[in-house]
Amino acid sequence: MKLDDFFVVSTEGDTWCVSTEMARHIDDCLDATPVPAWIVFVDVTGARVRVRSGAIESLTQRTVEQRALSRTLERLAQDERRADGLVKEDEE
């Protein structure tokens, strides 16, 4: 399975990954006047989700390139921690 670009919908207690199309739907709902009390969407696994619009804390884009850069930065940070003696080889 190839994981393409997606968005992460976050509330205080949960997160869901949604497609770009679904993220647009959520954005449109949040930009509506009046804002609907509930927003219904489908996550990338096909689960139907219904949350209070006020509970949505963030809608964050996660592109393939962003995730690759994030992994690279984490590897570099891990190498620095290892060089500083903060991480032992077997703790990875």
PDB file of N, CA and C in Angstrom:
ATOM      1  N   MET A   1       0.843  -1.185   0.000  1.00  0.00           N
ATOM      2  CA  MET A   1       0.000   0.000   0.000  1.00  0.00           C
ATOM      3  C   MET A   1       0.885   1.243   0.000  1.00  0.00           C
ATOM      4  N   LYS A   2       0.576   2.189  -0.859  1.00  0.00           N
ATOM      5  CA  LYS A   2       1.313   3.446  -0.930  1.00  0.00           C
ATOM      6  C   LYS A   2       0.502   4.521  -0.228  1.00  0.00           C
ATOM      7  N   LEU A   3       1.136   5.204   0.695  1.00  0.00           N
ATOM      8  CA  LEU A   3       0.470   6.265   1.444  1.00  0.00           C
ATOM      9  C   LEU A   3       0.781   7.599   0.785  1.00  0.00           C
ATOM     10  N   ASP A   4      -0.234   8.231   0.218  1.00  0.00           N
ATOM     11  CA  ASP A   4      -0.074   9.517  -0.446  1.00  0.00           C
ATOM     12  C   ASP A   4      -0.224  10.646   0.562  1.00  0.00           C
ATOM     13  N   ASP A   5      -0.438  11.850   0.046  1.00  0.00           N
ATOM     14  CA  ASP A   5      -0.681  13.000   0.907  1.00  0.00           C
ATOM     15  C   ASP A   5      -1.974  12.796   1.686  1.00  0.00           C
ATOM     16  N   PHE A   6      -2.000  13.301   2.912  1.00  0.00           N
ATOM     17  CA  PHE A   6      -3.214  13.249   3.720  1.00  0.00           C
ATOM     18  C   PHE A   6      -3.202  14.412   4.696  1.00  0.00           C
ATOM     19  N   PHE A   7      -4.287  14.594   5.406  1.00  0.00           N
ATOM     20  CA  PHE A   7      -4.394  15.602   6.449  1.00  0.00           C
ATOM     21  C   PHE A   7      -4.716  14.899   7.748  1.00  0.00           C
ATOM     22  N   VAL A   8      -4.281  15.481   8.859  1.00  0.00           N
ATOM     23  CA  VAL A   8      -4.581  14.932  10.178  1.00  0.00           C
ATOM     24  C   VAL A   8      -5.563  15.872  10.860  1.00  0.00           C
ATOM     25  N   VAL A   9      -6.722  15.321  11.242  1.00  0.00           N
ATOM     26  CA  VAL A   9      -7.733  16.061  11.990  1.00  0.00           C
ATOM     27  C   VAL A   9      -7.509  15.741  13.459  1.00  0.00           C
ATOM     28  N   SER A  10      -7.331  16.778  14.283  1.00  0.00           N
ATOM     29  CA  SER A  10      -7.040  16.555  15.700  1.00  0.00           C
ATOM     30  C   SER A  10      -8.105  17.178  16.585  1.00  0.00           C
ATOM     31  N   THR A  11      -8.502  16.408  17.605  1.00  0.00           N
ATOM     32  CA  THR A  11      -9.329  16.918  18.692  1.00  0.00           C
ATOM     33  C   THR A  11      -8.547  16.643  19.971  1.00  0.00           C
ATOM     34  N   GLU A  12      -9.086  17.021  21.109  1.00  0.00           N
ATOM     35  CA  GLU A  12      -8.367  16.802  22.361  1.00  0.00           C
ATOM     36  C   GLU A  12      -8.069  15.323  22.597  1.00  0.00           C
ATOM     37  N   GLY A  13      -8.988  14.456  22.205  1.00  0.00           N
ATOM     38  CA  GLY A  13      -8.816  13.052  22.530  1.00  0.00           C
ATOM     39  C   GLY A  13      -8.517  12.118  21.380  1.00  0.00           C
ATOM     40  N   ASP A  14      -8.603  12.595  20.138  1.00  0.00           N
ATOM     41  CA  ASP A  14      -8.439  11.707  18.995  1.00  0.00           C
ATOM     42  C   ASP A  14      -7.785  12.409  17.825  1.00  0.00           C
ATOM     43  N   THR A  15      -7.279  11.604  16.894  1.00  0.00           N
ATOM     44  CA  THR A  15      -6.803  12.108  15.613  1.00  0.00           C
ATOM     45  C   THR A  15      -7.266  11.157  14.523  1.00  0.00           C
ATOM     46  N   TRP A  16      -7.498  11.714  13.349  1.00  0.00           N
ATOM     47  CA  TRP A  16      -7.896  10.923  12.185  1.00  0.00           C
ATOM     48  C   TRP A  16      -7.131  11.415  10.980  1.00  0.00           C
ATOM     49  N   CYS A  17      -6.772  10.506  10.099  1.00  0.00           N
ATOM     50  CA  CYS A  17      -6.161  10.869   8.830  1.00  0.00           C
ATOM     51  C   CYS A  17      -7.263  10.892   7.778  1.00  0.00           C
ATOM     52  N   VAL A  18      -7.295  11.987   6.993  1.00  0.00           N
ATOM     53  CA  VAL A  18      -8.321  12.134   5.968  1.00  0.00           C
ATOM     54  C   VAL A  18      -7.671  12.534   4.648  1.00  0.00           C
ATOM     55  N   SER A  19      -8.381  12.263   3.559  1.00  0.00           N
ATOM     56  CA  SER A  19      -7.911  12.642   2.234  1.00  0.00           C
ATOM     57  C   SER A  19      -7.964  14.156   2.066  1.00  0.00           C
ATOM     58  N   THR A  20      -7.318  14.641   1.022  1.00  0.00           N
ATOM     59  CA  THR A  20      -7.346  16.070   0.712  1.00  0.00           C
ATOM     60  C   THR A  20      -8.778  16.524   0.455  1.00  0.00           C
ATOM     61  N   GLU A  21      -9.543  15.717  -0.253  1.00  0.00           N
ATOM     62  CA  GLU A  21     -10.951  16.045  -0.529  1.00  0.00           C
ATOM     63  C   GLU A  21     -11.748  16.169   0.768  1.00  0.00           C
ATOM     64  N   MET A  22     -11.540  15.254   1.686  1.00  0.00           N
ATOM     65  CA  MET A  22     -12.266  15.296   2.956  1.00  0.00           C
ATOM     66  C   MET A  22     -11.809  16.490   3.790  1.00  0.00           C
ATOM     67  N   ALA A  23     -10.517  16.838   3.727  1.00  0.00           N
ATOM     68  CA  ALA A  23     -10.010  18.014   4.447  1.00  0.00           C
ATOM     69  C   ALA A  23     -10.687  19.281   3.917  1.00  0.00           C
ATOM     70  N   ARG A  24     -10.882  19.357   2.596  1.00  0.00           N
ATOM     71  CA  ARG A  24     -11.594  20.508   2.014  1.00  0.00           C
ATOM     72  C   ARG A  24     -13.023  20.581   2.552  1.00  0.00           C
ATOM     73  N   HIS A  25     -13.673  19.428   2.647  1.00  0.00           N
ATOM     74  CA  HIS A  25     -15.035  19.378   3.189  1.00  0.00           C
ATOM     75  C   HIS A  25     -15.055  19.907   4.630  1.00  0.00           C
ATOM     76  N   ILE A  26     -14.110  19.461   5.449  1.00  0.00           N
ATOM     77  CA  ILE A  26     -14.043  19.900   6.848  1.00  0.00           C
ATOM     78  C   ILE A  26     -13.777  21.402   6.913  1.00  0.00           C
ATOM     79  N   ASP A  27     -12.830  21.882   6.101  1.00  0.00           N
ATOM     80  CA  ASP A  27     -12.542  23.324   6.040  1.00  0.00           C
ATOM     81  C   ASP A  27     -13.785  24.120   5.655  1.00  0.00           C
ATOM     82  N   ASP A  28     -14.500  23.631   4.637  1.00  0.00           N
ATOM     83  CA  ASP A  28     -15.718  24.324   4.201  1.00  0.00           C
ATOM     84  C   ASP A  28     -16.745  24.390   5.324  1.00  0.00           C
ATOM     85  N   CYS A  29     -16.890  23.293   6.066  1.00  0.00           N
ATOM     86  CA  CYS A  29     -17.823  23.275   7.197  1.00  0.00           C
ATOM     87  C   CYS A  29     -17.405  24.279   8.269  1.00  0.00           C
ATOM     88  N   LEU A  30     -16.109  24.332   8.563  1.00  0.00           N
ATOM     89  CA  LEU A  30     -15.616  25.245   9.600  1.00  0.00           C
ATOM     90  C   LEU A  30     -15.698  26.710   9.168  1.00  0.00           C
ATOM     91  N   ASP A  31     -15.660  26.948   7.843  1.00  0.00           N
ATOM     92  CA  ASP A  31     -15.750  28.317   7.315  1.00  0.00           C
ATOM     93  C   ASP A  31     -17.186  28.767   7.089  1.00  0.00           C
ATOM     94  N   ALA A  32     -18.143  27.859   7.197  1.00  0.00           N
ATOM     95  CA  ALA A  32     -19.550  28.185   6.928  1.00  0.00           C
ATOM     96  C   ALA A  32     -20.109  29.139   7.978  1.00  0.00           C
ATOM     97  N   THR A  33     -21.121  29.880   7.580  1.00  0.00           N
ATOM     98  CA  THR A  33     -21.828  30.762   8.510  1.00  0.00           C
ATOM     99  C   THR A  33     -23.307  30.409   8.453  1.00  0.00           C
ATOM    100  N   PRO A  34     -23.842  29.923   9.515  1.00  0.00           N
ATOM    101  CA  PRO A  34     -23.190  29.575  10.780  1.00  0.00           C
ATOM    102  C   PRO A  34     -22.421  28.261  10.656  1.00  0.00           C
ATOM    103  N   VAL A  35     -21.450  28.078  11.539  1.00  0.00           N
ATOM    104  CA  VAL A  35     -20.697  26.829  11.584  1.00  0.00           C
ATOM    105  C   VAL A  35     -21.635  25.743  12.094  1.00  0.00           C
ATOM    106  N   PRO A  36     -21.702  24.605  11.410  1.00  0.00           N
ATOM    107  CA  PRO A  36     -22.576  23.526  11.896  1.00  0.00           C
ATOM    108  C   PRO A  36     -22.101  23.010  13.255  1.00  0.00           C
ATOM    109  N   ALA A  37     -23.026  22.536  14.054  1.00  0.00           N
ATOM    110  CA  ALA A  37     -22.678  22.008  15.377  1.00  0.00           C
ATOM    111  C   ALA A  37     -21.834  20.737  15.254  1.00  0.00           C
ATOM    112  N   TRP A  38     -22.128  19.926  14.254  1.00  0.00           N
ATOM    113  CA  TRP A  38     -21.431  18.654  14.052  1.00  0.00           C
ATOM    114  C   TRP A  38     -20.853  18.614  12.650  1.00  0.00           C
ATOM    115  N   ILE A  39     -19.710  17.958  12.510  1.00  0.00           N
ATOM    116  CA  ILE A  39     -19.112  17.729  11.197  1.00  0.00           C
ATOM    117  C   ILE A  39     -18.952  16.226  11.030  1.00  0.00           C
ATOM    118  N   VAL A  40     -19.413  15.738   9.886  1.00  0.00           N
ATOM    119  CA  VAL A  40     -19.318  14.312   9.576  1.00  0.00           C
ATOM    120  C   VAL A  40     -18.318  14.154   8.441  1.00  0.00           C
ATOM    121  N   PHE A  41     -17.377  13.213   8.607  1.00  0.00           N
ATOM    122  CA  PHE A  41     -16.397  12.946   7.560  1.00  0.00           C
ATOM    123  C   PHE A  41     -16.014  11.474   7.598  1.00  0.00           C
ATOM    124  N   VAL A  42     -15.295  11.052   6.578  1.00  0.00           N
ATOM    125  CA  VAL A  42     -14.821   9.675   6.483  1.00  0.00           C
ATOM    126  C   VAL A  42     -13.303   9.713   6.493  1.00  0.00           C
ATOM    127  N   ASP A  43     -12.685   8.920   7.374  1.00  0.00           N
ATOM    128  CA  ASP A  43     -11.219   8.908   7.419  1.00  0.00           C
ATOM    129  C   ASP A  43     -10.663   7.964   6.365  1.00  0.00           C
ATOM    130  N   VAL A  44      -9.334   7.879   6.256  1.00  0.00           N
ATOM    131  CA  VAL A  44      -8.724   7.087   5.189  1.00  0.00           C
ATOM    132  C   VAL A  44      -8.967   5.587   5.331  1.00  0.00           C
ATOM    133  N   THR A  45      -9.382   5.131   6.505  1.00  0.00           N
ATOM    134  CA  THR A  45      -9.686   3.704   6.678  1.00  0.00           C
ATOM    135  C   THR A  45     -11.121   3.390   6.281  1.00  0.00           C
ATOM    136  N   GLY A  46     -11.916   4.445   5.997  1.00  0.00           N
ATOM    137  CA  GLY A  46     -13.315   4.256   5.638  1.00  0.00           C
ATOM    138  C   GLY A  46     -14.272   4.429   6.801  1.00  0.00           C
ATOM    139  N   ALA A  47     -13.745   4.759   7.972  1.00  0.00           N
ATOM    140  CA  ALA A  47     -14.599   4.949   9.149  1.00  0.00           C
ATOM    141  C   ALA A  47     -15.348   6.279   9.045  1.00  0.00           C
ATOM    142  N   ARG A  48     -16.628   6.241   9.351  1.00  0.00           N
ATOM    143  CA  ARG A  48     -17.442   7.466   9.377  1.00  0.00           C
ATOM    144  C   ARG A  48     -17.291   8.088  10.754  1.00  0.00           C
ATOM    145  N   VAL A  49     -16.935   9.367  10.778  1.00  0.00           N
ATOM    146  CA  VAL A  49     -16.646  10.068  12.030  1.00  0.00           C
ATOM    147  C   VAL A  49     -17.582  11.262  12.139  1.00  0.00           C
ATOM    148  N   ARG A  50     -18.083  11.496  13.337  1.00  0.00           N
ATOM    149  CA  ARG A  50     -18.949  12.647  13.610  1.00  0.00           C
ATOM    150  C   ARG A  50     -18.417  13.328  14.858  1.00  0.00           C
ATOM    151  N   VAL A  51     -17.966  14.583  14.710  1.00  0.00           N
ATOM    152  CA  VAL A  51     -17.412  15.317  15.841  1.00  0.00           C
ATOM    153  C   VAL A  51     -18.055  16.701  15.922  1.00  0.00           C
ATOM    154  N   ARG A  52     -18.084  17.234  17.118  1.00  0.00           N
ATOM    155  CA  ARG A  52     -18.545  18.614  17.289  1.00  0.00           C
ATOM    156  C   ARG A  52     -17.538  19.533  16.610  1.00  0.00           C
ATOM    157  N   SER A  53     -18.022  20.475  15.854  1.00  0.00           N
ATOM    158  CA  SER A  53     -17.131  21.357  15.107  1.00  0.00           C
ATOM    159  C   SER A  53     -16.184  22.109  16.043  1.00  0.00           C
ATOM    160  N   GLY A  54     -16.662  22.489  17.227  1.00  0.00           N
ATOM    161  CA  GLY A  54     -15.817  23.202  18.175  1.00  0.00           C
ATOM    162  C   GLY A  54     -14.715  22.358  18.778  1.00  0.00           C
ATOM    163  N   ALA A  55     -14.814  21.039  18.629  1.00  0.00           N
ATOM    164  CA  ALA A  55     -13.803  20.144  19.194  1.00  0.00           C
ATOM    165  C   ALA A  55     -12.579  20.009  18.286  1.00  0.00           C
ATOM    166  N   ILE A  56     -12.719  20.397  17.016  1.00  0.00           N
ATOM    167  CA  ILE A  56     -11.597  20.262  16.089  1.00  0.00           C
ATOM    168  C   ILE A  56     -10.552  21.319  16.423  1.00  0.00           C
ATOM    169  N   GLU A  57      -9.374  20.844  16.800  1.00  0.00           N
ATOM    170  CA  GLU A  57      -8.287  21.737  17.201  1.00  0.00           C
ATOM    171  C   GLU A  57      -7.373  22.091  16.034  1.00  0.00           C
ATOM    172  N   SER A  58      -7.165  21.143  15.121  1.00  0.00           N
ATOM    173  CA  SER A  58      -6.299  21.431  13.983  1.00  0.00           C
ATOM    174  C   SER A  58      -6.591  20.490  12.825  1.00  0.00           C
ATOM    175  N   LEU A  59      -6.207  20.954  11.646  1.00  0.00           N
ATOM    176  CA  LEU A  59      -6.307  20.190  10.409  1.00  0.00           C
ATOM    177  C   LEU A  59      -4.968  20.415   9.714  1.00  0.00           C
ATOM    178  N   THR A  60      -4.084  19.428   9.806  1.00  0.00           N
ATOM    179  CA  THR A  60      -2.691  19.593   9.399  1.00  0.00           C
ATOM    180  C   THR A  60      -2.361  18.748   8.184  1.00  0.00           C
ATOM    181  N   GLN A  61      -1.780  19.387   7.177  1.00  0.00           N
ATOM    182  CA  GLN A  61      -1.376  18.676   5.970  1.00  0.00           C
ATOM    183  C   GLN A  61      -0.112  17.868   6.227  1.00  0.00           C
ATOM    184  N   ARG A  62      -0.069  16.648   5.688  1.00  0.00           N
ATOM    185  CA  ARG A  62       1.106  15.789   5.795  1.00  0.00           C
ATOM    186  C   ARG A  62       1.389  15.195   4.423  1.00  0.00           C
ATOM    187  N   THR A  63       2.209  15.892   3.620  1.00  0.00           N
ATOM    188  CA  THR A  63       2.533  15.406   2.283  1.00  0.00           C
ATOM    189  C   THR A  63       3.608  14.324   2.370  1.00  0.00           C
ATOM    190  N   VAL A  64       3.773  13.603   1.282  1.00  0.00           N
ATOM    191  CA  VAL A  64       4.819  12.589   1.197  1.00  0.00           C
ATOM    192  C   VAL A  64       6.172  13.246   1.459  1.00  0.00           C
ATOM    193  N   GLU A  65       6.398  14.424   0.867  1.00  0.00           N
ATOM    194  CA  GLU A  65       7.669  15.129   1.034  1.00  0.00           C
ATOM    195  C   GLU A  65       7.869  15.591   2.475  1.00  0.00           C
ATOM    196  N   GLN A  66       6.826  16.086   3.113  1.00  0.00           N
ATOM    197  CA  GLN A  66       6.933  16.518   4.509  1.00  0.00           C
ATOM    198  C   GLN A  66       7.288  15.348   5.418  1.00  0.00           C
ATOM    199  N   ARG A  67       6.657  14.210   5.178  1.00  0.00           N
ATOM    200  CA  ARG A  67       6.936  13.042   6.016  1.00  0.00           C
ATOM    201  C   ARG A  67       8.361  12.540   5.808  1.00  0.00           C
ATOM    202  N   ALA A  68       8.851  12.573   4.554  1.00  0.00           N
ATOM    203  CA  ALA A  68      10.228  12.152   4.270  1.00  0.00           C
ATOM    204  C   ALA A  68      11.216  13.080   4.972  1.00  0.00           C
ATOM    205  N   LEU A  69      10.973  14.394   4.907  1.00  0.00           N
ATOM    206  CA  LEU A  69      11.842  15.352   5.582  1.00  0.00           C
ATOM    207  C   LEU A  69      11.817  15.139   7.095  1.00  0.00           C
ATOM    208  N   SER A  70      10.639  14.868   7.640  1.00  0.00           N
ATOM    209  CA  SER A  70      10.500  14.619   9.074  1.00  0.00           C
ATOM    210  C   SER A  70      11.322  13.396   9.492  1.00  0.00           C
ATOM    211  N   ARG A  71      11.277  12.328   8.691  1.00  0.00           N
ATOM    212  CA  ARG A  71      12.066  11.129   9.009  1.00  0.00           C
ATOM    213  C   ARG A  71      13.563  11.427   8.941  1.00  0.00           C
ATOM    214  N   THR A  72      13.980  12.204   7.926  1.00  0.00           N
ATOM    215  CA  THR A  72      15.389  12.574   7.796  1.00  0.00           C
ATOM    216  C   THR A  72      15.849  13.377   9.006  1.00  0.00           C
ATOM    217  N   LEU A  73      15.041  14.368   9.402  1.00  0.00           N
ATOM    218  CA  LEU A  73      15.399  15.189  10.566  1.00  0.00           C
ATOM    219  C   LEU A  73      15.474  14.352  11.840  1.00  0.00           C
ATOM    220  N   GLU A  74      14.565  13.399  12.003  1.00  0.00           N
ATOM    221  CA  GLU A  74      14.582  12.542  13.192  1.00  0.00           C
ATOM    222  C   GLU A  74      15.831  11.664  13.197  1.00  0.00           C
ATOM    223  N   ARG A  75      16.230  11.142  12.033  1.00  0.00           N
ATOM    224  CA  ARG A  75      17.453  10.333  11.966  1.00  0.00           C
ATOM    225  C   ARG A  75      18.677  11.178  12.325  1.00  0.00           C
ATOM    226  N   LEU A  76      18.726  12.420  11.813  1.00  0.00           N
ATOM    227  CA  LEU A  76      19.846  13.304  12.135  1.00  0.00           C
ATOM    228  C   LEU A  76      19.893  13.614  13.635  1.00  0.00           C
ATOM    229  N   ALA A  77      18.720  13.884  14.224  1.00  0.00           N
ATOM    230  CA  ALA A  77      18.657  14.155  15.663  1.00  0.00           C
ATOM    231  C   ALA A  77      19.085  12.923  16.458  1.00  0.00           C
ATOM    232  N   GLN A  78      18.669  11.744  16.013  1.00  0.00           N
ATOM    233  CA  GLN A  78      19.064  10.497  16.687  1.00  0.00           C
ATOM    234  C   GLN A  78      20.576  10.315  16.609  1.00  0.00           C
ATOM    235  N   ASP A  79      21.165  10.607  15.445  1.00  0.00           N
ATOM    236  CA  ASP A  79      22.621  10.512  15.289  1.00  0.00           C
ATOM    237  C   ASP A  79      23.322  11.474  16.238  1.00  0.00           C
ATOM    238  N   GLU A  80      22.785  12.702  16.391  1.00  0.00           N
ATOM    239  CA  GLU A  80      23.374  13.679  17.320  1.00  0.00           C
ATOM    240  C   GLU A  80      23.287  13.187  18.757  1.00  0.00           C
ATOM    241  N   ARG A  81      22.131  12.652  19.141  1.00  0.00           N
ATOM    242  CA  ARG A  81      21.977  12.142  20.510  1.00  0.00           C
ATOM    243  C   ARG A  81      22.949  10.992  20.758  1.00  0.00           C
ATOM    244  N   ARG A  82      23.111  10.137  19.765  1.00  0.00           N
ATOM    245  CA  ARG A  82      24.039   9.005  19.894  1.00  0.00           C
ATOM    246  C   ARG A  82      25.477   9.520  20.023  1.00  0.00           C
ATOM    247  N   ALA A  83      25.856  10.513  19.208  1.00  0.00           N
ATOM    248  CA  ALA A  83      27.203  11.090  19.258  1.00  0.00           C
ATOM    249  C   ALA A  83      27.457  11.779  20.594  1.00  0.00           C
ATOM    250  N   ASP A  84      26.417  12.341  21.184  1.00  0.00           N
ATOM    251  CA  ASP A  84      26.541  13.002  22.487  1.00  0.00           C
ATOM    252  C   ASP A  84      26.495  12.007  23.641  1.00  0.00           C
ATOM    253  N   GLY A  85      26.305  10.724  23.340  1.00  0.00           N
ATOM    254  CA  GLY A  85      26.250   9.706  24.382  1.00  0.00           C
ATOM    255  C   GLY A  85      24.924   9.662  25.119  1.00  0.00           C
ATOM    256  N   LEU A  86      23.899  10.293  24.537  1.00  0.00           N
ATOM    257  CA  LEU A  86      22.590  10.333  25.202  1.00  0.00           C
ATOM    258  C   LEU A  86      21.740   9.103  24.884  1.00  0.00           C
ATOM    259  N   VAL A  87      22.102   8.367  23.839  1.00  0.00           N
ATOM    260  CA  VAL A  87      21.346   7.186  23.432  1.00  0.00           C
ATOM    261  C   VAL A  87      22.338   6.059  23.185  1.00  0.00           C
ATOM    262  N   LYS A  88      22.037   4.894  23.746  1.00  0.00           N
ATOM    263  CA  LYS A  88      22.874   3.736  23.500  1.00  0.00           C
ATOM    264  C   LYS A  88      22.373   3.039  22.235  1.00  0.00           C
ATOM    265  N   GLU A  89      23.254   2.320  21.584  1.00  0.00           N
ATOM    266  CA  GLU A  89      22.913   1.650  20.318  1.00  0.00           C
ATOM    267  C   GLU A  89      21.704   0.733  20.449  1.00  0.00           C
ATOM    268  N   ASP A  90      21.538   0.043  21.570  1.00  0.00           N
ATOM    269  CA  ASP A  90      20.457  -0.916  21.733  1.00  0.00           C
ATOM    270  C   ASP A  90      19.139  -0.277  22.162  1.00  0.00           C
ATOM    271  N   GLU A  91      19.092   1.055  22.306  1.00  0.00           N
ATOM    272  CA  GLU A  91      17.858   1.733  22.735  1.00  0.00           C
ATOM    273  C   GLU A  91      17.025   2.226  21.572  1.00  0.00           C
ATOM    274  N   GLU A  92      17.434   1.961  20.358  1.00  0.00           N
ATOM    275  CA  GLU A  92      16.690   2.451  19.191  1.00  0.00           C
ATOM    276  C   GLU A  92      15.385   1.752  19.018  1.00  0.00           C
TER     277      GLU A  92
END
